[in-house]
Full PDB file with SEQRES, HELIX, SHEET, SSBOND, CRYST1, ORIGX, SCALE, CONECT and MASTER records, all heavy atoms in Angstrom:
SEQRES   1 A   30  LEU LEU ASP LEU TYR THR MET LEU ASP LYS LEU GLY ASP          
SEQRES   2 A   30  LEU ALA GLY LYS LYS MET VAL LEU LEU GLY ASP ILE SER          
SEQRES   3 A   30  HIS SER ARG VAL                                              
HELIX    1 AA1 LEU A    2  LEU A   11  1                                  10    
CRYST1    1.000    1.000    1.000  90.00  90.00  90.00 P 1           1          
ORIGX1      1.000000  0.000000  0.000000        0.00000                         
ORIGX2      0.000000  1.000000  0.000000        0.00000                         
ORIGX3      0.000000  0.000000  1.000000        0.00000                         
SCALE1      1.000000  0.000000  0.000000        0.00000                         
SCALE2      0.000000  1.000000  0.000000        0.00000                         
SCALE3      0.000000  0.000000  1.000000        0.00000                         
ATOM      1  N   LEU A   1     -67.876-138.711-166.394  1.00  0.00           N  
ATOM      2  CA  LEU A   1     -66.586-138.359-165.949  1.00  0.00           C  
ATOM      3  C   LEU A   1     -65.893-137.330-166.785  1.00  0.00           C  
ATOM      4  O   LEU A   1     -65.222-136.369-166.223  1.00  0.00           O  
ATOM      5  CB  LEU A   1     -65.709-139.619-165.739  1.00  0.00           C  
ATOM      6  CG  LEU A   1     -66.152-140.538-164.602  1.00  0.00           C  
ATOM      7  CD1 LEU A   1     -65.454-141.935-164.747  1.00  0.00           C  
ATOM      8  CD2 LEU A   1     -65.833-139.904-163.217  1.00  0.00           C  
ATOM      9  N   LEU A   2     -65.983-137.426-168.037  1.00  0.00           N  
ATOM     10  CA  LEU A   2     -65.270-136.467-168.914  1.00  0.00           C  
ATOM     11  C   LEU A   2     -66.018-135.162-168.838  1.00  0.00           C  
ATOM     12  O   LEU A   2     -65.341-134.053-168.947  1.00  0.00           O  
ATOM     13  CB  LEU A   2     -65.167-136.982-170.331  1.00  0.00           C  
ATOM     14  CG  LEU A   2     -66.321-136.986-171.240  1.00  0.00           C  
ATOM     15  CD1 LEU A   2     -66.524-135.664-172.035  1.00  0.00           C  
ATOM     16  CD2 LEU A   2     -66.262-138.107-172.300  1.00  0.00           C  
ATOM     17  N   ASP A   3     -67.325-135.096-168.721  1.00  0.00           N  
ATOM     18  CA  ASP A   3     -68.062-133.873-168.505  1.00  0.00           C  
ATOM     19  C   ASP A   3     -67.628-133.204-167.142  1.00  0.00           C  
ATOM     20  O   ASP A   3     -67.402-131.967-167.098  1.00  0.00           O  
ATOM     21  CB  ASP A   3     -69.593-134.130-168.474  1.00  0.00           C  
ATOM     22  CG  ASP A   3     -70.068-134.474-169.854  1.00  0.00           C  
ATOM     23  OD1 ASP A   3     -69.388-134.264-170.894  1.00  0.00           O  
ATOM     24  OD2 ASP A   3     -71.219-134.966-169.941  1.00  0.00           O  
ATOM     25  N   LEU A   4     -67.508-134.060-166.142  1.00  0.00           N  
ATOM     26  CA  LEU A   4     -67.067-133.547-164.814  1.00  0.00           C  
ATOM     27  C   LEU A   4     -65.722-132.938-164.940  1.00  0.00           C  
ATOM     28  O   LEU A   4     -65.374-131.882-164.384  1.00  0.00           O  
ATOM     29  CB  LEU A   4     -67.057-134.661-163.835  1.00  0.00           C  
ATOM     30  CG  LEU A   4     -66.528-134.373-162.457  1.00  0.00           C  
ATOM     31  CD1 LEU A   4     -67.297-133.268-161.743  1.00  0.00           C  
ATOM     32  CD2 LEU A   4     -66.392-135.580-161.565  1.00  0.00           C  
ATOM     33  N   TYR A   5     -64.770-133.641-165.596  1.00  0.00           N  
ATOM     34  CA  TYR A   5     -63.371-133.174-165.847  1.00  0.00           C  
ATOM     35  C   TYR A   5     -63.406-131.830-166.540  1.00  0.00           C  
ATOM     36  O   TYR A   5     -62.742-130.853-166.098  1.00  0.00           O  
ATOM     37  CB  TYR A   5     -62.583-134.157-166.654  1.00  0.00           C  
ATOM     38  CG  TYR A   5     -61.192-133.811-167.010  1.00  0.00           C  
ATOM     39  CD1 TYR A   5     -60.445-132.776-166.301  1.00  0.00           C  
ATOM     40  CD2 TYR A   5     -60.463-134.405-167.989  1.00  0.00           C  
ATOM     41  CE1 TYR A   5     -59.161-132.423-166.627  1.00  0.00           C  
ATOM     42  CE2 TYR A   5     -59.192-134.085-168.363  1.00  0.00           C  
ATOM     43  CZ  TYR A   5     -58.559-133.123-167.618  1.00  0.00           C  
ATOM     44  OH  TYR A   5     -57.273-132.792-167.990  1.00  0.00           O  
ATOM     45  N   THR A   6     -64.245-131.666-167.602  1.00  0.00           N  
ATOM     46  CA  THR A   6     -64.229-130.475-168.369  1.00  0.00           C  
ATOM     47  C   THR A   6     -64.763-129.255-167.475  1.00  0.00           C  
ATOM     48  O   THR A   6     -64.236-128.198-167.503  1.00  0.00           O  
ATOM     49  CB  THR A   6     -65.207-130.634-169.540  1.00  0.00           C  
ATOM     50  OG1 THR A   6     -64.736-131.719-170.330  1.00  0.00           O  
ATOM     51  CG2 THR A   6     -65.229-129.359-170.415  1.00  0.00           C  
ATOM     52  N   MET A   7     -65.778-129.482-166.660  1.00  0.00           N  
ATOM     53  CA  MET A   7     -66.333-128.466-165.847  1.00  0.00           C  
ATOM     54  C   MET A   7     -65.373-128.038-164.779  1.00  0.00           C  
ATOM     55  O   MET A   7     -65.088-126.844-164.550  1.00  0.00           O  
ATOM     56  CB  MET A   7     -67.604-129.051-165.134  1.00  0.00           C  
ATOM     57  CG  MET A   7     -68.776-129.238-166.064  1.00  0.00           C  
ATOM     58  SD  MET A   7     -70.179-129.952-165.179  1.00  0.00           S  
ATOM     59  CE  MET A   7     -70.962-130.859-166.479  1.00  0.00           C  
ATOM     60  N   LEU A   8     -64.688-129.066-164.102  1.00  0.00           N  
ATOM     61  CA  LEU A   8     -63.668-128.698-163.079  1.00  0.00           C  
ATOM     62  C   LEU A   8     -62.528-127.924-163.724  1.00  0.00           C  
ATOM     63  O   LEU A   8     -61.984-127.010-163.068  1.00  0.00           O  
ATOM     64  CB  LEU A   8     -63.169-129.986-162.465  1.00  0.00           C  
ATOM     65  CG  LEU A   8     -64.101-130.684-161.446  1.00  0.00           C  
ATOM     66  CD1 LEU A   8     -63.619-132.059-161.106  1.00  0.00           C  
ATOM     67  CD2 LEU A   8     -64.374-129.853-160.202  1.00  0.00           C  
ATOM     68  N   ASP A   9     -62.106-128.309-164.879  1.00  0.00           N  
ATOM     69  CA  ASP A   9     -61.026-127.649-165.582  1.00  0.00           C  
ATOM     70  C   ASP A   9     -61.306-126.191-165.936  1.00  0.00           C  
ATOM     71  O   ASP A   9     -60.505-125.287-165.799  1.00  0.00           O  
ATOM     72  CB  ASP A   9     -60.644-128.400-166.865  1.00  0.00           C  
ATOM     73  CG  ASP A   9     -59.431-127.853-167.580  1.00  0.00           C  
ATOM     74  OD1 ASP A   9     -58.380-127.646-166.944  1.00  0.00           O  
ATOM     75  OD2 ASP A   9     -59.539-127.524-168.827  1.00  0.00           O  
ATOM     76  N   LYS A  10     -62.626-125.933-166.267  1.00  0.00           N  
ATOM     77  CA  LYS A  10     -62.962-124.576-166.684  1.00  0.00           C  
ATOM     78  C   LYS A  10     -63.411-123.733-165.526  1.00  0.00           C  
ATOM     79  O   LYS A  10     -63.207-122.490-165.577  1.00  0.00           O  
ATOM     80  CB  LYS A  10     -64.132-124.707-167.715  1.00  0.00           C  
ATOM     81  CG  LYS A  10     -63.758-125.354-169.015  1.00  0.00           C  
ATOM     82  CD  LYS A  10     -62.850-124.427-169.867  1.00  0.00           C  
ATOM     83  CE  LYS A  10     -62.531-124.951-171.229  1.00  0.00           C  
ATOM     84  NZ  LYS A  10     -61.642-124.113-171.978  1.00  0.00           N  
ATOM     85  N   LEU A  11     -64.064-124.302-164.511  1.00  0.00           N  
ATOM     86  CA  LEU A  11     -64.714-123.552-163.459  1.00  0.00           C  
ATOM     87  C   LEU A  11     -64.104-123.686-162.103  1.00  0.00           C  
ATOM     88  O   LEU A  11     -64.371-122.876-161.230  1.00  0.00           O  
ATOM     89  CB  LEU A  11     -66.207-123.866-163.386  1.00  0.00           C  
ATOM     90  CG  LEU A  11     -67.029-123.646-164.676  1.00  0.00           C  
ATOM     91  CD1 LEU A  11     -68.494-124.165-164.443  1.00  0.00           C  
ATOM     92  CD2 LEU A  11     -67.029-122.239-165.087  1.00  0.00           C  
ATOM     93  N   GLY A  12     -63.244-124.701-161.935  1.00  0.00           N  
ATOM     94  CA  GLY A  12     -62.700-124.889-160.589  1.00  0.00           C  
ATOM     95  C   GLY A  12     -63.742-125.516-159.690  1.00  0.00           C  
ATOM     96  O   GLY A  12     -64.427-126.488-160.065  1.00  0.00           O  
ATOM     97  N   ASP A  13     -63.923-125.005-158.492  1.00  0.00           N  
ATOM     98  CA  ASP A  13     -64.897-125.492-157.508  1.00  0.00           C  
ATOM     99  C   ASP A  13     -66.284-125.424-158.127  1.00  0.00           C  
ATOM    100  O   ASP A  13     -66.792-124.359-158.607  1.00  0.00           O  
ATOM    101  CB  ASP A  13     -64.827-124.664-156.250  1.00  0.00           C  
ATOM    102  CG  ASP A  13     -65.735-125.234-155.167  1.00  0.00           C  
ATOM    103  OD1 ASP A  13     -66.208-126.391-155.322  1.00  0.00           O  
ATOM    104  OD2 ASP A  13     -65.923-124.555-154.137  1.00  0.00           O  
ATOM    105  N   LEU A  14     -67.038-126.482-158.131  1.00  0.00           N  
ATOM    106  CA  LEU A  14     -68.359-126.532-158.666  1.00  0.00           C  
ATOM    107  C   LEU A  14     -69.493-126.387-157.699  1.00  0.00           C  
ATOM    108  O   LEU A  14     -70.608-126.188-158.115  1.00  0.00           O  
ATOM    109  CB  LEU A  14     -68.592-127.919-159.393  1.00  0.00           C  
ATOM    110  CG  LEU A  14     -67.673-128.235-160.546  1.00  0.00           C  
ATOM    111  CD1 LEU A  14     -67.965-129.551-161.124  1.00  0.00           C  
ATOM    112  CD2 LEU A  14     -67.740-127.153-161.659  1.00  0.00           C  
ATOM    113  N   ALA A  15     -69.155-126.289-156.412  1.00  0.00           N  
ATOM    114  CA  ALA A  15     -70.185-126.138-155.407  1.00  0.00           C  
ATOM    115  C   ALA A  15     -71.038-124.861-155.661  1.00  0.00           C  
ATOM    116  O   ALA A  15     -70.466-123.829-155.796  1.00  0.00           O  
ATOM    117  CB  ALA A  15     -69.558-126.162-154.025  1.00  0.00           C  
ATOM    118  N   GLY A  16     -72.355-125.020-155.692  1.00  0.00           N  
ATOM    119  CA  GLY A  16     -73.167-123.911-155.884  1.00  0.00           C  
ATOM    120  C   GLY A  16     -73.436-123.466-157.292  1.00  0.00           C  
ATOM    121  O   GLY A  16     -74.310-122.596-157.599  1.00  0.00           O  
ATOM    122  N   LYS A  17     -72.677-124.081-158.235  1.00  0.00           N  
ATOM    123  CA  LYS A  17     -72.891-123.776-159.679  1.00  0.00           C  
ATOM    124  C   LYS A  17     -74.176-124.340-160.197  1.00  0.00           C  
ATOM    125  O   LYS A  17     -74.730-125.398-159.625  1.00  0.00           O  
ATOM    126  CB  LYS A  17     -71.748-124.373-160.525  1.00  0.00           C  
ATOM    127  CG  LYS A  17     -70.358-123.784-160.203  1.00  0.00           C  
ATOM    128  CD  LYS A  17     -70.204-122.351-160.496  1.00  0.00           C  
ATOM    129  CE  LYS A  17     -68.813-121.893-160.257  1.00  0.00           C  
ATOM    130  NZ  LYS A  17     -68.691-120.394-160.466  1.00  0.00           N  
ATOM    131  N   LYS A  18     -74.795-123.672-161.143  1.00  0.00           N  
ATOM    132  CA  LYS A  18     -76.072-124.097-161.689  1.00  0.00           C  
ATOM    133  C   LYS A  18     -75.888-124.782-163.051  1.00  0.00           C  
ATOM    134  O   LYS A  18     -75.383-124.141-163.993  1.00  0.00           O  
ATOM    135  CB  LYS A  18     -77.049-122.940-161.787  1.00  0.00           C  
ATOM    136  CG  LYS A  18     -78.350-123.296-162.362  1.00  0.00           C  
ATOM    137  CD  LYS A  18     -79.309-122.104-162.467  1.00  0.00           C  
ATOM    138  CE  LYS A  18     -80.628-122.462-163.099  1.00  0.00           C  
ATOM    139  NZ  LYS A  18     -81.526-121.299-163.277  1.00  0.00           N  
ATOM    140  N   MET A  19     -76.307-126.014-163.152  1.00  0.00           N  
ATOM    141  CA  MET A  19     -76.187-126.719-164.468  1.00  0.00           C  
ATOM    142  C   MET A  19     -77.554-127.077-164.938  1.00  0.00           C  
ATOM    143  O   MET A  19     -78.420-127.556-164.157  1.00  0.00           O  
ATOM    144  CB  MET A  19     -75.355-127.986-164.397  1.00  0.00           C  
ATOM    145  CG  MET A  19     -75.169-128.688-165.692  1.00  0.00           C  
ATOM    146  SD  MET A  19     -74.237-130.296-165.606  1.00  0.00           S  
ATOM    147  CE  MET A  19     -75.526-131.336-165.037  1.00  0.00           C  
ATOM    148  N   VAL A  20     -77.797-126.867-166.251  1.00  0.00           N  
ATOM    149  CA  VAL A  20     -79.036-127.233-166.907  1.00  0.00           C  
ATOM    150  C   VAL A  20     -78.729-128.411-167.804  1.00  0.00           C  
ATOM    151  O   VAL A  20     -77.879-128.292-168.696  1.00  0.00           O  
ATOM    152  CB  VAL A  20     -79.637-126.044-167.685  1.00  0.00           C  
ATOM    153  CG1 VAL A  20     -80.874-126.475-168.366  1.00  0.00           C  
ATOM    154  CG2 VAL A  20     -79.962-124.925-166.775  1.00  0.00           C  
ATOM    155  N   LEU A  21     -79.545-129.497-167.684  1.00  0.00           N  
ATOM    156  CA  LEU A  21     -79.488-130.591-168.628  1.00  0.00           C  
ATOM    157  C   LEU A  21     -80.729-130.343-169.502  1.00  0.00           C  
ATOM    158  O   LEU A  21     -81.813-130.409-169.028  1.00  0.00           O  
ATOM    159  CB  LEU A  21     -79.565-131.961-167.921  1.00  0.00           C  
ATOM    160  CG  LEU A  21     -78.251-132.474-167.288  1.00  0.00           C  
ATOM    161  CD1 LEU A  21     -78.515-133.575-166.361  1.00  0.00           C  
ATOM    162  CD2 LEU A  21     -77.296-132.917-168.396  1.00  0.00           C  
ATOM    163  N   LEU A  22     -80.471-130.060-170.784  1.00  0.00           N  
ATOM    164  CA  LEU A  22     -81.538-129.598-171.679  1.00  0.00           C  
ATOM    165  C   LEU A  22     -81.797-130.538-172.777  1.00  0.00           C  
ATOM    166  O   LEU A  22     -80.862-130.965-173.552  1.00  0.00           O  
ATOM    167  CB  LEU A  22     -81.104-128.221-172.273  1.00  0.00           C  
ATOM    168  CG  LEU A  22     -81.968-127.601-173.271  1.00  0.00           C  
ATOM    169  CD1 LEU A  22     -83.307-127.267-172.727  1.00  0.00           C  
ATOM    170  CD2 LEU A  22     -81.329-126.322-173.878  1.00  0.00           C  
ATOM    171  N   GLY A  23     -82.989-131.007-172.888  1.00  0.00           N  
ATOM    172  CA  GLY A  23     -83.355-131.925-174.050  1.00  0.00           C  
ATOM    173  C   GLY A  23     -84.149-133.137-173.611  1.00  0.00           C  
ATOM    174  O   GLY A  23     -84.953-133.156-172.709  1.00  0.00           O  
ATOM    175  N   ASP A  24     -83.679-134.258-174.271  1.00  0.00           N  
ATOM    176  CA  ASP A  24     -84.310-135.553-174.084  1.00  0.00           C  
ATOM    177  C   ASP A  24     -83.813-136.296-172.814  1.00  0.00           C  
ATOM    178  O   ASP A  24     -82.838-137.030-172.888  1.00  0.00           O  
ATOM    179  CB  ASP A  24     -84.170-136.429-175.341  1.00  0.00           C  
ATOM    180  CG  ASP A  24     -84.936-137.798-175.207  1.00  0.00           C  
ATOM    181  OD1 ASP A  24     -85.575-137.964-174.167  1.00  0.00           O  
ATOM    182  OD2 ASP A  24     -84.862-138.559-176.152  1.00  0.00           O  
ATOM    183  N   ILE A  25     -84.359-135.960-171.693  1.00  0.00           N  
ATOM    184  CA  ILE A  25     -83.793-136.468-170.381  1.00  0.00           C  
ATOM    185  C   ILE A  25     -84.206-137.929-170.223  1.00  0.00           C  
ATOM    186  O   ILE A  25     -83.441-138.797-169.811  1.00  0.00           O  
ATOM    187  CB  ILE A  25     -84.311-135.633-169.200  1.00  0.00           C  
ATOM    188  CG1 ILE A  25     -84.077-134.185-169.390  1.00  0.00           C  
ATOM    189  CG2 ILE A  25     -83.646-136.144-167.869  1.00  0.00           C  
ATOM    190  CD1 ILE A  25     -82.656-133.726-169.514  1.00  0.00           C  
ATOM    191  N   SER A  26     -85.472-138.259-170.608  1.00  0.00           N  
ATOM    192  CA  SER A  26     -85.947-139.576-170.301  1.00  0.00           C  
ATOM    193  C   SER A  26     -85.186-140.745-170.927  1.00  0.00           C  
ATOM    194  O   SER A  26     -85.020-141.732-170.307  1.00  0.00           O  
ATOM    195  CB  SER A  26     -87.390-139.680-170.834  1.00  0.00           C  
ATOM    196  OG  SER A  26     -88.293-138.959-170.028  1.00  0.00           O  
ATOM    197  N   HIS A  27     -84.703-140.470-172.088  1.00  0.00           N  
ATOM    198  CA  HIS A  27     -83.932-141.560-172.885  1.00  0.00           C  
ATOM    199  C   HIS A  27     -82.421-141.431-172.794  1.00  0.00           C  
ATOM    200  O   HIS A  27     -81.797-142.200-173.437  1.00  0.00           O  
ATOM    201  CB  HIS A  27     -84.399-141.544-174.318  1.00  0.00           C  
ATOM    202  CG  HIS A  27     -85.944-141.704-174.488  1.00  0.00           C  
ATOM    203  ND1 HIS A  27     -86.797-140.602-174.543  1.00  0.00           N  
ATOM    204  CD2 HIS A  27     -86.621-142.852-174.540  1.00  0.00           C  
ATOM    205  CE1 HIS A  27     -87.963-141.065-174.655  1.00  0.00           C  
ATOM    206  NE2 HIS A  27     -87.991-142.418-174.675  1.00  0.00           N  
ATOM    207  N   SER A  28     -81.973-140.527-171.975  1.00  0.00           N  
ATOM    208  CA  SER A  28     -80.500-140.164-171.981  1.00  0.00           C  
ATOM    209  C   SER A  28     -79.759-140.854-170.843  1.00  0.00           C  
ATOM    210  O   SER A  28     -80.005-140.581-169.630  1.00  0.00           O  
ATOM    211  CB  SER A  28     -80.306-138.671-171.886  1.00  0.00           C  
ATOM    212  OG  SER A  28     -78.927-138.378-171.848  1.00  0.00           O  
ATOM    213  N   ARG A  29     -78.838-141.737-171.184  1.00  0.00           N  
ATOM    214  CA  ARG A  29     -77.963-142.302-170.184  1.00  0.00           C  
ATOM    215  C   ARG A  29     -76.923-141.243-169.714  1.00  0.00           C  
ATOM    216  O   ARG A  29     -76.444-141.341-168.647  1.00  0.00           O  
ATOM    217  CB  ARG A  29     -77.326-143.625-170.689  1.00  0.00           C  
ATOM    218  CG  ARG A  29     -76.659-143.392-172.084  1.00  0.00           C  
ATOM    219  CD  ARG A  29     -76.369-144.785-172.672  1.00  0.00           C  
ATOM    220  NE  ARG A  29     -75.825-144.724-174.088  1.00  0.00           N  
ATOM    221  CZ  ARG A  29     -76.030-145.685-174.981  1.00  0.00           C  
ATOM    222  NH1 ARG A  29     -76.644-146.798-174.643  1.00  0.00           N  
ATOM    223  NH2 ARG A  29     -75.516-145.533-176.166  1.00  0.00           N  
ATOM    224  N   VAL A  30     -76.565-140.344-170.592  1.00  0.00           N  
ATOM    225  CA  VAL A  30     -75.646-139.309-170.242  1.00  0.00           C  
ATOM    226  C   VAL A  30     -76.217-138.422-169.006  1.00  0.00           C  
ATOM    227  O   VAL A  30     -75.509-138.051-168.165  1.00  0.00           O  
ATOM    228  CB  VAL A  30     -75.310-138.390-171.475  1.00  0.00           C  
ATOM    229  CG1 VAL A  30     -74.480-137.198-170.989  1.00  0.00           C  
ATOM    230  CG2 VAL A  30     -74.642-139.128-172.513  1.00  0.00           C  
TER     231      VAL A  30                                                      
MASTER        0    0    0    1    0    0    0    6  230    1    0    3          
END                                                                             
């Protein structure tokens, strides 16, 4: 939720934006 808040605050509408989750995905609850 705080990541979402930060993105909305900085970018406004997020539709169509490209986000990369980089690193240890398998073990990440984030």
